[in-house]
C-alpha atoms as a PDB file:
ATOM      1  CA  MET A   1      -6.018 -10.338  64.009  1.00  0.00           C
ATOM      2  CA  LYS A   2      -7.031  -9.561  60.475  1.00  0.00           C
ATOM      3  CA  ARG A   3      -4.717 -10.799  57.766  1.00  0.00           C
ATOM      4  CA  GLN A   4      -3.846  -8.353  54.974  1.00  0.00           C
ATOM      5  CA  ARG A   5      -4.640  -9.542  51.510  1.00  0.00           C
ATOM      6  CA  LYS A   6      -1.781  -9.590  48.962  1.00  0.00           C
ATOM      7  CA  GLY A   7      -2.218 -10.063  45.235  1.00  0.00           C
ATOM      8  CA  PHE A   8      -5.312 -10.504  43.104  1.00  0.00           C
ATOM      9  CA  THR A   9      -8.094 -13.033  43.308  1.00  0.00           C
ATOM     10  CA  LEU A  10      -8.805 -15.443  40.486  1.00  0.00           C
ATOM     11  CA  VAL A  11     -12.006 -13.548  39.626  1.00  0.00           C
ATOM     12  CA  GLU A  12     -10.148 -10.250  39.293  1.00  0.00           C
ATOM     13  CA  LEU A  13      -7.569 -11.834  37.006  1.00  0.00           C
ATOM     14  CA  ALA A  14     -10.291 -13.445  34.870  1.00  0.00           C
ATOM     15  CA  ILE A  15     -12.025 -10.072  34.457  1.00  0.00           C
ATOM     16  CA  VAL A  16      -8.785  -8.382  33.346  1.00  0.00           C
ATOM     17  CA  ILE A  17      -8.074 -11.176  30.859  1.00  0.00           C
ATOM     18  CA  ALA A  18     -11.619 -10.907  29.467  1.00  0.00           C
ATOM     19  CA  ILE A  19     -11.269  -7.138  29.035  1.00  0.00           C
ATOM     20  CA  LEU A  20      -7.921  -7.559  27.259  1.00  0.00           C
ATOM     21  CA  GLY A  21      -9.460 -10.196  24.979  1.00  0.00           C
ATOM     22  CA  ILE A  22     -12.326  -7.885  24.025  1.00  0.00           C
ATOM     23  CA  LEU A  23      -9.884  -5.054  23.296  1.00  0.00           C
ATOM     24  CA  ALA A  24      -7.783  -7.363  21.112  1.00  0.00           C
ATOM     25  CA  VAL A  25     -10.826  -8.497  19.133  1.00  0.00           C
ATOM     26  CA  VAL A  26     -11.715  -4.870  18.417  1.00  0.00           C
ATOM     27  CA  ALA A  27      -8.177  -3.546  17.848  1.00  0.00           C
ATOM     28  CA  ILE A  28      -6.744  -6.153  15.452  1.00  0.00           C
ATOM     29  CA  PRO A  29      -9.217  -5.508  12.575  1.00  0.00           C
ATOM     30  CA  LYS A  30      -8.770  -1.740  13.037  1.00  0.00           C
ATOM     31  CA  TYR A  31      -5.003  -2.152  12.852  1.00  0.00           C
ATOM     32  CA  GLN A  32      -5.251  -4.272   9.677  1.00  0.00           C
ATOM     33  CA  GLY A  33      -7.459  -1.613   8.078  1.00  0.00           C
ATOM     34  CA  MET A  34      -4.906   1.068   8.923  1.00  0.00           C
ATOM     35  CA  VAL A  35      -2.114  -1.011   7.357  1.00  0.00           C
ATOM     36  CA  ASP A  36      -4.141  -1.366   4.126  1.00  0.00           C
ATOM     37  CA  GLU A  37      -4.880   2.363   4.076  1.00  0.00           C
ATOM     38  CA  ALA A  38      -1.213   3.222   4.614  1.00  0.00           C
ATOM     39  CA  ARG A  39      -0.120   0.851   1.831  1.00  0.00           C
ATOM     40  CA  SER A  40      -2.709   2.384  -0.517  1.00  0.00           C
ATOM     41  CA  ALA A  41      -1.712   5.950   0.320  1.00  0.00           C
ATOM     42  CA  GLU A  42       1.941   5.139  -0.269  1.00  0.00           C
ATOM     43  CA  ALA A  43       1.167   3.502  -3.630  1.00  0.00           C
ATOM     44  CA  ARG A  44      -0.842   6.533  -4.763  1.00  0.00           C
ATOM     45  CA  ALA A  45       1.959   8.865  -3.620  1.00  0.00           C
ATOM     46  CA  GLN A  46       4.558   6.830  -5.500  1.00  0.00           C
ATOM     47  CA  LEU A  47       2.337   6.939  -8.587  1.00  0.00           C
ATOM     48  CA  GLY A  48       2.338  10.737  -8.324  1.00  0.00           C
ATOM     49  CA  THR A  49       6.123  10.736  -8.021  1.00  0.00           C
ATOM     50  CA  VAL A  50       6.514   8.590 -11.139  1.00  0.00           C
ATOM     51  CA  ARG A  51       4.112  10.745 -13.132  1.00  0.00           C
ATOM     52  CA  SER A  52       5.950  13.905 -12.044  1.00  0.00           C
ATOM     53  CA  ALA A  53       9.282  12.426 -13.154  1.00  0.00           C
ATOM     54  CA  ILE A  54       7.770  11.587 -16.552  1.00  0.00           C
ATOM     55  CA  ALA A  55       6.391  15.134 -16.877  1.00  0.00           C
ATOM     56  CA  ILE A  56       9.772  16.641 -16.017  1.00  0.00           C
ATOM     57  CA  SER A  57      11.481  14.390 -18.562  1.00  0.00           C
ATOM     58  CA  TYR A  58       8.869  15.372 -21.156  1.00  0.00           C
ATOM     59  CA  ALA A  59       9.603  19.053 -20.547  1.00  0.00           C
ATOM     60  CA  LYS A  60      13.393  18.613 -20.579  1.00  0.00           C
ATOM     61  CA  ASN A  61      13.270  16.637 -23.827  1.00  0.00           C
ATOM     62  CA  LYS A  62      11.129  19.217 -25.649  1.00  0.00           C
ATOM     63  CA  GLY A  63       7.930  17.225 -25.857  1.00  0.00           C
ATOM     64  CA  THR A  64       9.330  13.716 -26.217  1.00  0.00           C
ATOM     65  CA  MET A  65       8.122  11.057 -23.800  1.00  0.00           C
ATOM     66  CA  PRO A  66      10.760   8.769 -22.300  1.00  0.00           C
ATOM     67  CA  ALA A  67      10.912   5.451 -24.178  1.00  0.00           C
ATOM     68  CA  THR A  68      11.112   3.450 -20.956  1.00  0.00           C
ATOM     69  CA  LEU A  69      10.657   4.068 -17.282  1.00  0.00           C
ATOM     70  CA  THR A  70      14.158   3.785 -15.817  1.00  0.00           C
ATOM     71  CA  GLY A  71      15.992   4.900 -12.727  1.00  0.00           C
ATOM     72  CA  ALA A  72      17.631   7.670 -14.741  1.00  0.00           C
ATOM     73  CA  LEU A  73      14.395   9.671 -14.467  1.00  0.00           C
ATOM     74  CA  PHE A  74      14.584   9.789 -10.656  1.00  0.00           C
ATOM     75  CA  ALA A  75      16.896  11.636  -8.277  1.00  0.00           C
ATOM     76  CA  GLU A  76      17.618   8.444  -6.332  1.00  0.00           C
ATOM     77  CA  GLY A  77      18.638   6.647  -9.520  1.00  0.00           C
ATOM     78  CA  THR A  78      16.067   3.866  -9.083  1.00  0.00           C
ATOM     79  CA  VAL A  79      12.431   3.392  -9.980  1.00  0.00           C
ATOM     80  CA  PRO A  80      10.316   3.900  -6.828  1.00  0.00           C
ATOM     81  CA  PHE A  81       9.135   0.871  -4.915  1.00  0.00           C
ATOM     82  CA  VAL A  82       5.417   0.110  -4.966  1.00  0.00           C
ATOM     83  CA  GLU A  83       3.522  -2.337  -2.768  1.00  0.00           C
ATOM     84  CA  ILE A  84      -0.108  -3.338  -3.334  1.00  0.00           C
ATOM     85  CA  THR A  85      -2.467  -6.123  -2.362  1.00  0.00           C
ATOM     86  CA  ASN A  86      -3.595  -8.297  -5.269  1.00  0.00           C
ATOM     87  CA  PRO A  87      -7.158  -9.653  -5.642  1.00  0.00           C
ATOM     88  CA  ALA A  88      -6.195 -12.850  -3.781  1.00  0.00           C
ATOM     89  CA  GLY A  89      -5.154 -10.766  -0.763  1.00  0.00           C
ATOM     90  CA  THR A  90      -1.425 -11.336  -1.254  1.00  0.00           C
ATOM     91  CA  VAL A  91       0.908  -8.378  -0.864  1.00  0.00           C
ATOM     92  CA  ILE A  92       2.901  -7.761  -4.047  1.00  0.00           C
ATOM     93  CA  ASN A  93       6.242  -5.993  -3.613  1.00  0.00           C
ATOM     94  CA  SER A  94       7.728  -4.770  -6.833  1.00  0.00           C
ATOM     95  CA  ASN A  95       9.424  -1.858  -8.487  1.00  0.00           C
ATOM     96  CA  GLY A  96       9.633  -3.524 -11.886  1.00  0.00           C
ATOM     97  CA  VAL A  97       8.333  -1.852 -15.007  1.00  0.00           C
ATOM     98  CA  VAL A  98       6.431  -3.739 -17.719  1.00  0.00           C
ATOM     99  CA  ALA A  99       4.675  -2.834 -20.949  1.00  0.00           C
ATOM    100  CA  VAL A 100       2.013  -5.560 -20.717  1.00  0.00           C
ATOM    101  CA  ALA A 101      -0.732  -5.407 -18.101  1.00  0.00           C
ATOM    102  CA  SER A 102      -0.785  -8.272 -15.605  1.00  0.00           C
ATOM    103  CA  GLU A 103      -1.296  -8.941 -11.912  1.00  0.00           C
ATOM    104  CA  ALA A 104       2.444  -8.882 -11.217  1.00  0.00           C
ATOM    105  CA  GLY A 105       2.494  -5.534  -9.428  1.00  0.00           C
ATOM    106  CA  GLY A 106       5.059  -2.865 -10.109  1.00  0.00           C
ATOM    107  CA  TRP A 107       4.499  -0.283 -12.808  1.00  0.00           C
ATOM    108  CA  LEU A 108       2.749  -0.502 -16.168  1.00  0.00           C
ATOM    109  CA  TYR A 109       4.319   2.009 -18.580  1.00  0.00           C
ATOM    110  CA  VAL A 110       2.896   2.277 -22.092  1.00  0.00           C
ATOM    111  CA  SER A 111       3.257   5.283 -24.412  1.00  0.00           C
ATOM    112  CA  GLY A 112       4.010   7.745 -21.642  1.00  0.00           C
ATOM    113  CA  ALA A 113       1.135   6.633 -19.410  1.00  0.00           C
ATOM    114  CA  VAL A 114       1.967   4.945 -16.124  1.00  0.00           C
ATOM    115  CA  HIS A 115      -0.336   2.896 -13.885  1.00  0.00           C
ATOM    116  CA  ILE A 116       0.077   0.496 -11.011  1.00  0.00           C
ATOM    117  CA  ASN A 117       0.317  -2.898 -12.706  1.00  0.00           C
ATOM    118  CA  SER A 118      -2.812  -4.747 -11.613  1.00  0.00           C
ATOM    119  CA  ILE A 119      -5.735  -5.464 -13.921  1.00  0.00           C
ATOM    120  CA  THR A 120      -8.335  -6.546 -11.374  1.00  0.00           C
ATOM    121  CA  GLY A 121      -6.735  -5.421  -8.105  1.00  0.00           C
ATOM    122  CA  THR A 122      -8.623  -2.729  -6.215  1.00  0.00           C
ATOM    123  CA  ASP A 123      -7.515  -0.022  -3.826  1.00  0.00           C
ATOM    124  CA  PRO A 124      -8.924  -1.062  -0.417  1.00  0.00           C
ATOM    125  CA  ALA A 125      -8.722   2.496   0.928  1.00  0.00           C
ATOM    126  CA  ALA A 126     -10.551   4.126  -1.990  1.00  0.00           C
ATOM    127  CA  THR A 127     -14.166   5.210  -2.050  1.00  0.00           C
ATOM    128  CA  PRO A 128     -15.778   3.204  -3.517  1.00  0.00           C
ATOM    129  CA  SER A 129     -13.579   0.264  -2.530  1.00  0.00           C
ATOM    130  CA  THR A 130     -14.034  -1.194  -6.024  1.00  0.00           C
ATOM    131  CA  THR A 131     -11.711   1.438  -7.549  1.00  0.00           C
ATOM    132  CA  LEU A 132      -9.232  -0.426  -9.751  1.00  0.00           C
ATOM    133  CA  TRP A 133      -5.508   0.294  -9.361  1.00  0.00           C
ATOM    134  CA  SER A 134      -5.300   0.533 -13.131  1.00  0.00           C
ATOM    135  CA  SER A 135      -7.782   3.433 -13.120  1.00  0.00           C
ATOM    136  CA  TYR A 136      -5.380   5.804 -11.341  1.00  0.00           C
END
């Protein structure tokens, strides 16, 4: 009488584990790249929002730029959040506004011009990838 086989052999399990390992090695870097691209797209979108709020304020105040970038310029009542990766690879979370350029993240607002506050940080999703955040 022939015995029916139940379950998987060790070789079959080893093959499945090897395939899953190969997929993980390929998928993890792709996922990290997508996270960087999403963070960059959100930062650029927030920059557009801030610039639009400044333009609206400029128009409402008959050609006078706002003295500071405050939550009063935005419908939500707060300055938008911005998240970037600094040159060291650390994620900087900030919605602060400064008037002196640094690597602190947040917003740099000087004389009506607003930039993401990073002197040497680059946008990893830009083409070329050496595009500085401060150039936007």
